[in-house]
C-alpha atoms as a PDB file:
ATOM      1  CA  MET A   1     -59.587-178.332 -67.593  1.00  0.00           C
ATOM      2  CA  ASN A   2     -62.569-180.642 -68.022  1.00  0.00           C
ATOM      3  CA  ASP A   3     -63.565-180.041 -64.398  1.00  0.00           C
ATOM      4  CA  MET A   4     -64.008-176.373 -65.277  1.00  0.00           C
ATOM      5  CA  VAL A   5     -66.981-177.198 -67.505  1.00  0.00           C
ATOM      6  CA  ALA A   6     -70.299-178.397 -66.103  1.00  0.00           C
ATOM      7  CA  PHE A   7     -73.675-179.077 -67.636  1.00  0.00           C
ATOM      8  CA  VAL A   8     -77.214-178.006 -66.822  1.00  0.00           C
ATOM      9  CA  ASP A   9     -79.841-180.666 -67.475  1.00  0.00           C
ATOM     10  CA  PRO A  10     -82.078-179.592 -70.393  1.00  0.00           C
ATOM     11  CA  ALA A  11     -85.026-181.046 -68.452  1.00  0.00           C
ATOM     12  CA  HIS A  12     -84.739-177.890 -66.307  1.00  0.00           C
ATOM     13  CA  THR A  13     -84.556-175.361 -69.122  1.00  0.00           C
ATOM     14  CA  GLY A  14     -86.909-176.111 -72.032  1.00  0.00           C
ATOM     15  CA  ALA A  15     -89.847-173.938 -72.998  1.00  0.00           C
ATOM     16  CA  SER A  16     -92.384-176.737 -72.573  1.00  0.00           C
ATOM     17  CA  GLY A  17     -92.831-179.106 -69.669  1.00  0.00           C
ATOM     18  CA  CYS A  18     -90.089-177.624 -67.491  1.00  0.00           C
ATOM     19  CA  GLY A  19     -92.091-175.214 -65.348  1.00  0.00           C
ATOM     20  CA  ASN A  20     -92.615-171.491 -65.525  1.00  0.00           C
ATOM     21  CA  PRO A  21     -89.697-169.102 -66.139  1.00  0.00           C
ATOM     22  CA  THR A  22     -89.243-168.374 -62.417  1.00  0.00           C
ATOM     23  CA  GLU A  23     -89.033-172.079 -61.558  1.00  0.00           C
ATOM     24  CA  ARG A  24     -86.543-172.667 -64.360  1.00  0.00           C
ATOM     25  CA  ALA A  25     -84.371-169.740 -63.233  1.00  0.00           C
ATOM     26  CA  ARG A  26     -84.296-171.235 -59.718  1.00  0.00           C
ATOM     27  CA  LEU A  27     -83.354-174.691 -61.013  1.00  0.00           C
ATOM     28  CA  VAL A  28     -80.525-173.265 -63.128  1.00  0.00           C
ATOM     29  CA  SER A  29     -79.252-171.064 -60.286  1.00  0.00           C
ATOM     30  CA  ASN A  30     -79.222-174.103 -57.955  1.00  0.00           C
ATOM     31  CA  ARG A  31     -76.890-175.825 -60.415  1.00  0.00           C
ATOM     32  CA  PHE A  32     -74.590-172.786 -60.338  1.00  0.00           C
ATOM     33  CA  ILE A  33     -74.683-172.580 -56.529  1.00  0.00           C
ATOM     34  CA  ASN A  34     -73.880-176.275 -56.092  1.00  0.00           C
ATOM     35  CA  GLY A  35     -71.047-176.239 -58.632  1.00  0.00           C
ATOM     36  CA  LYS A  36     -67.388-175.362 -58.322  1.00  0.00           C
ATOM     37  CA  SER A  37     -66.219-171.786 -58.206  1.00  0.00           C
ATOM     38  CA  GLY A  38     -65.187-170.509 -61.628  1.00  0.00           C
ATOM     39  CA  GLN A  39     -66.956-173.210 -63.623  1.00  0.00           C
ATOM     40  CA  ILE A  40     -68.506-172.536 -67.002  1.00  0.00           C
ATOM     41  CA  TYR A  41     -71.933-174.120 -67.427  1.00  0.00           C
ATOM     42  CA  LEU A  42     -73.180-175.396 -70.764  1.00  0.00           C
ATOM     43  CA  VAL A  43     -76.917-174.799 -70.809  1.00  0.00           C
ATOM     44  CA  PRO A  44     -78.907-176.235 -73.733  1.00  0.00           C
ATOM     45  CA  TYR A  45     -82.306-174.664 -74.374  1.00  0.00           C
ATOM     46  CA  ASN A  46     -85.163-175.826 -76.568  1.00  0.00           C
ATOM     47  CA  SER A  47     -87.551-173.019 -77.409  1.00  0.00           C
ATOM     48  CA  GLY A  48     -90.184-175.497 -78.548  1.00  0.00           C
ATOM     49  CA  GLY A  49     -88.816-176.241 -81.984  1.00  0.00           C
ATOM     50  CA  HIS A  50     -85.145-175.328 -81.951  1.00  0.00           C
ATOM     51  CA  TRP A  51     -82.072-175.939 -79.770  1.00  0.00           C
ATOM     52  CA  THR A  52     -79.597-173.239 -78.772  1.00  0.00           C
ATOM     53  CA  LEU A  53     -76.676-173.346 -76.350  1.00  0.00           C
ATOM     54  CA  SER A  54     -75.521-170.867 -73.745  1.00  0.00           C
ATOM     55  CA  ALA A  55     -72.160-171.047 -71.984  1.00  0.00           C
ATOM     56  CA  VAL A  56     -72.639-169.308 -68.652  1.00  0.00           C
ATOM     57  CA  ASN A  57     -69.991-168.068 -66.244  1.00  0.00           C
ATOM     58  CA  PRO A  58     -72.147-166.977 -63.291  1.00  0.00           C
ATOM     59  CA  ALA A  59     -69.190-165.663 -61.270  1.00  0.00           C
ATOM     60  CA  GLU A  60     -68.255-163.260 -64.081  1.00  0.00           C
ATOM     61  CA  GLU A  61     -71.899-162.661 -65.077  1.00  0.00           C
ATOM     62  CA  THR A  62     -71.122-163.516 -68.698  1.00  0.00           C
ATOM     63  CA  ILE A  63     -73.193-165.592 -71.102  1.00  0.00           C
ATOM     64  CA  HIS A  64     -71.996-166.744 -74.536  1.00  0.00           C
ATOM     65  CA  PHE A  65     -74.948-167.532 -76.814  1.00  0.00           C
ATOM     66  CA  MET A  66     -74.844-170.006 -79.708  1.00  0.00           C
ATOM     67  CA  ASP A  67     -77.651-170.488 -82.227  1.00  0.00           C
ATOM     68  CA  PRO A  68     -76.683-172.978 -84.958  1.00  0.00           C
ATOM     69  CA  LEU A  69     -79.127-171.318 -87.390  1.00  0.00           C
ATOM     70  CA  LYS A  70     -77.665-167.890 -86.553  1.00  0.00           C
ATOM     71  CA  ARG A  71     -81.122-166.380 -86.758  1.00  0.00           C
ATOM     72  CA  ARG A  72     -82.028-165.687 -83.188  1.00  0.00           C
ATOM     73  CA  LEU A  73     -81.265-162.607 -81.207  1.00  0.00           C
ATOM     74  CA  ILE A  74     -80.746-162.801 -77.489  1.00  0.00           C
ATOM     75  CA  ALA A  75     -84.091-161.641 -76.140  1.00  0.00           C
ATOM     76  CA  GLY A  76     -87.278-162.830 -74.552  1.00  0.00           C
ATOM     77  CA  GLU A  77     -87.926-165.616 -72.102  1.00  0.00           C
ATOM     78  CA  TRP A  78     -84.538-167.355 -72.334  1.00  0.00           C
ATOM     79  CA  LYS A  79     -82.623-164.147 -71.662  1.00  0.00           C
ATOM     80  CA  THR A  80     -84.854-163.428 -68.680  1.00  0.00           C
ATOM     81  CA  ILE A  81     -84.406-166.954 -67.274  1.00  0.00           C
ATOM     82  CA  LEU A  82     -80.606-166.855 -67.436  1.00  0.00           C
ATOM     83  CA  ASP A  83     -80.391-163.258 -66.211  1.00  0.00           C
ATOM     84  CA  ASN A  84     -82.594-164.163 -63.237  1.00  0.00           C
ATOM     85  CA  SER A  85     -80.625-167.340 -62.533  1.00  0.00           C
ATOM     86  CA  ILE A  86     -77.452-165.257 -62.185  1.00  0.00           C
ATOM     87  CA  LYS A  87     -79.265-162.729 -59.961  1.00  0.00           C
ATOM     88  CA  ILE A  88     -80.459-165.577 -57.706  1.00  0.00           C
ATOM     89  CA  TYR A  89     -76.919-167.004 -57.678  1.00  0.00           C
ATOM     90  CA  ASN A  90     -75.527-163.601 -56.639  1.00  0.00           C
ATOM     91  CA  ALA A  91     -78.137-163.229 -53.887  1.00  0.00           C
ATOM     92  CA  GLN A  92     -77.288-166.679 -52.505  1.00  0.00           C
ATOM     93  CA  LYS A  93     -73.580-165.794 -52.544  1.00  0.00           C
ATOM     94  CA  ASN A  94     -74.293-162.383 -50.933  1.00  0.00           C
ATOM     95  CA  LYS A  95     -72.641-160.793 -53.945  1.00  0.00           C
ATOM     96  CA  LYS A  96     -73.669-157.481 -55.441  1.00  0.00           C
ATOM     97  CA  GLY A  97     -74.134-158.157 -59.122  1.00  0.00           C
ATOM     98  CA  LYS A  98     -73.418-155.963 -62.103  1.00  0.00           C
ATOM     99  CA  LYS A  99     -76.140-153.686 -63.370  1.00  0.00           C
ATOM    100  CA  THR A 100     -76.306-155.615 -66.644  1.00  0.00           C
ATOM    101  CA  ILE A 101     -75.344-159.210 -67.325  1.00  0.00           C
ATOM    102  CA  GLN A 102     -73.071-159.421 -70.349  1.00  0.00           C
ATOM    103  CA  TRP A 103     -74.422-161.466 -73.271  1.00  0.00           C
ATOM    104  CA  LYS A 104     -72.129-162.272 -76.185  1.00  0.00           C
ATOM    105  CA  ASN A 105     -73.434-163.754 -79.410  1.00  0.00           C
ATOM    106  CA  LEU A 106     -70.823-166.140 -80.808  1.00  0.00           C
ATOM    107  CA  ALA A 107     -71.276-165.241 -84.470  1.00  0.00           C
ATOM    108  CA  GLY A 108     -68.351-167.392 -85.632  1.00  0.00           C
ATOM    109  CA  ILE A 109     -69.838-170.776 -84.752  1.00  0.00           C
ATOM    110  CA  PRO A 110     -70.283-173.178 -87.669  1.00  0.00           C
ATOM    111  CA  GLU A 111     -73.756-172.670 -89.147  1.00  0.00           C
ATOM    112  CA  GLN A 112     -76.387-175.377 -89.453  1.00  0.00           C
ATOM    113  CA  LYS A 113     -77.565-175.660 -93.078  1.00  0.00           C
ATOM    114  CA  ASP A 114     -80.768-177.659 -92.604  1.00  0.00           C
ATOM    115  CA  SER A 115     -83.715-177.205 -90.255  1.00  0.00           C
ATOM    116  CA  LYS A 116     -83.769-180.515 -88.391  1.00  0.00           C
ATOM    117  CA  THR A 117     -80.346-181.252 -86.857  1.00  0.00           C
ATOM    118  CA  CYS A 118     -79.892-178.429 -84.332  1.00  0.00           C
ATOM    119  CA  GLY A 119     -79.614-180.865 -81.415  1.00  0.00           C
ATOM    120  CA  TYR A 120     -76.597-182.555 -82.987  1.00  0.00           C
ATOM    121  CA  TRP A 121     -75.017-179.171 -83.697  1.00  0.00           C
ATOM    122  CA  ILE A 122     -75.431-178.158 -80.056  1.00  0.00           C
ATOM    123  CA  MET A 123     -73.828-181.442 -78.987  1.00  0.00           C
ATOM    124  CA  ARG A 124     -70.933-180.783 -81.386  1.00  0.00           C
ATOM    125  CA  TYR A 125     -70.406-177.312 -79.897  1.00  0.00           C
ATOM    126  CA  MET A 126     -70.411-178.853 -76.399  1.00  0.00           C
ATOM    127  CA  LYS A 127     -67.913-181.518 -77.489  1.00  0.00           C
ATOM    128  CA  GLU A 128     -65.511-178.885 -78.836  1.00  0.00           C
ATOM    129  CA  ILE A 129     -65.833-176.738 -75.716  1.00  0.00           C
ATOM    130  CA  VAL A 130     -65.177-179.669 -73.368  1.00  0.00           C
ATOM    131  CA  GLU A 131     -62.221-180.897 -75.425  1.00  0.00           C
ATOM    132  CA  ASP A 132     -60.632-177.413 -75.554  1.00  0.00           C
ATOM    133  CA  LYS A 133     -57.983-177.614 -72.835  1.00  0.00           C
ATOM    134  CA  ASN A 134     -57.678-173.821 -72.623  1.00  0.00           C
ATOM    135  CA  LEU A 135     -61.400-173.049 -72.904  1.00  0.00           C
ATOM    136  CA  GLU A 136     -60.766-170.650 -75.777  1.00  0.00           C
ATOM    137  CA  PHE A 137     -64.092-171.309 -77.494  1.00  0.00           C
ATOM    138  CA  ALA A 138     -65.221-167.695 -77.111  1.00  0.00           C
ATOM    139  CA  ALA A 139     -62.122-166.309 -78.825  1.00  0.00           C
ATOM    140  CA  LYS A 140     -62.426-168.904 -81.588  1.00  0.00           C
ATOM    141  CA  TRP A 141     -66.122-168.251 -82.266  1.00  0.00           C
ATOM    142  CA  GLU A 142     -66.687-164.599 -81.330  1.00  0.00           C
ATOM    143  CA  ARG A 143     -66.173-163.180 -84.842  1.00  0.00           C
ATOM    144  CA  ARG A 144     -67.669-164.320 -88.105  1.00  0.00           C
ATOM    145  CA  THR A 145     -65.439-166.888 -89.738  1.00  0.00           C
ATOM    146  CA  ASN A 146     -65.573-169.522 -92.418  1.00  0.00           C
ATOM    147  CA  LEU A 147     -65.628-172.375 -89.898  1.00  0.00           C
ATOM    148  CA  VAL A 148     -67.887-175.206 -91.015  1.00  0.00           C
ATOM    149  CA  TYR A 149     -68.868-178.632 -89.811  1.00  0.00           C
ATOM    150  CA  THR A 150     -68.956-181.318 -92.431  1.00  0.00           C
ATOM    151  CA  GLU A 151     -71.526-184.087 -92.489  1.00  0.00           C
ATOM    152  CA  LYS A 152     -68.727-186.294 -91.142  1.00  0.00           C
ATOM    153  CA  ASP A 153     -68.339-183.999 -88.098  1.00  0.00           C
ATOM    154  CA  ILE A 154     -72.053-184.243 -87.301  1.00  0.00           C
ATOM    155  CA  ASP A 155     -72.094-187.995 -88.027  1.00  0.00           C
ATOM    156  CA  GLN A 156     -69.334-188.392 -85.441  1.00  0.00           C
ATOM    157  CA  VAL A 157     -71.641-186.890 -82.807  1.00  0.00           C
ATOM    158  CA  ARG A 158     -74.484-189.154 -83.940  1.00  0.00           C
ATOM    159  CA  ALA A 159     -72.236-192.222 -83.691  1.00  0.00           C
ATOM    160  CA  GLU A 160     -70.959-191.266 -80.230  1.00  0.00           C
ATOM    161  CA  TRP A 161     -74.516-190.660 -79.053  1.00  0.00           C
ATOM    162  CA  ALA A 162     -75.734-193.988 -80.466  1.00  0.00           C
ATOM    163  CA  LYS A 163     -72.807-195.820 -78.866  1.00  0.00           C
ATOM    164  CA  HIS A 164     -73.686-194.268 -75.514  1.00  0.00           C
ATOM    165  CA  VAL A 165     -77.419-195.025 -75.785  1.00  0.00           C
ATOM    166  CA  ILE A 166     -76.766-198.660 -76.748  1.00  0.00           C
ATOM    167  CA  MET A 167     -75.028-199.123 -73.386  1.00  0.00           C
ATOM    168  CA  PHE A 168     -78.456-198.747 -71.705  1.00  0.00           C
ATOM    169  CA  PRO A 169     -80.728-201.242 -73.522  1.00  0.00           C
ATOM    170  CA  ASP A 170     -83.332-201.457 -70.747  1.00  0.00           C
ATOM    171  CA  MET A 171     -84.219-197.789 -70.753  1.00  0.00           C
END
């Protein structure tokens, strides 16, 4: 199932230094167009001070939104960018899209308790999604639950990240 999940480079999505919203929508849609049919794309987004994650299925026009602080509503620039990226994808595929793209807020994700570790939380969500052989993350996280990540869970992501970065000492 791992080949059913793909990633969008956060260098194409962030609020600062990544181009205007139209350019970012085009970059994201190009990733969808060049991917495999039926893939789910994990799209990290930094609004300028906070990371969120969207899991996008462009073929089904569905976006699952994850905010580790659980404080953000799906609105504004990010919603417009992803909506437009799916519209561009549909146009390139000569597909008539739905009137409204379906956004789902995954309210059951484990909640970040501090204000500085959102990037690690997003990486932990991505890790769980990729390791889920049946891609049932939406069912697991769609309703409010008592799921939590311990410090050990987040430290595991930190350790894996550090181990990966150490492999590239010249960078």
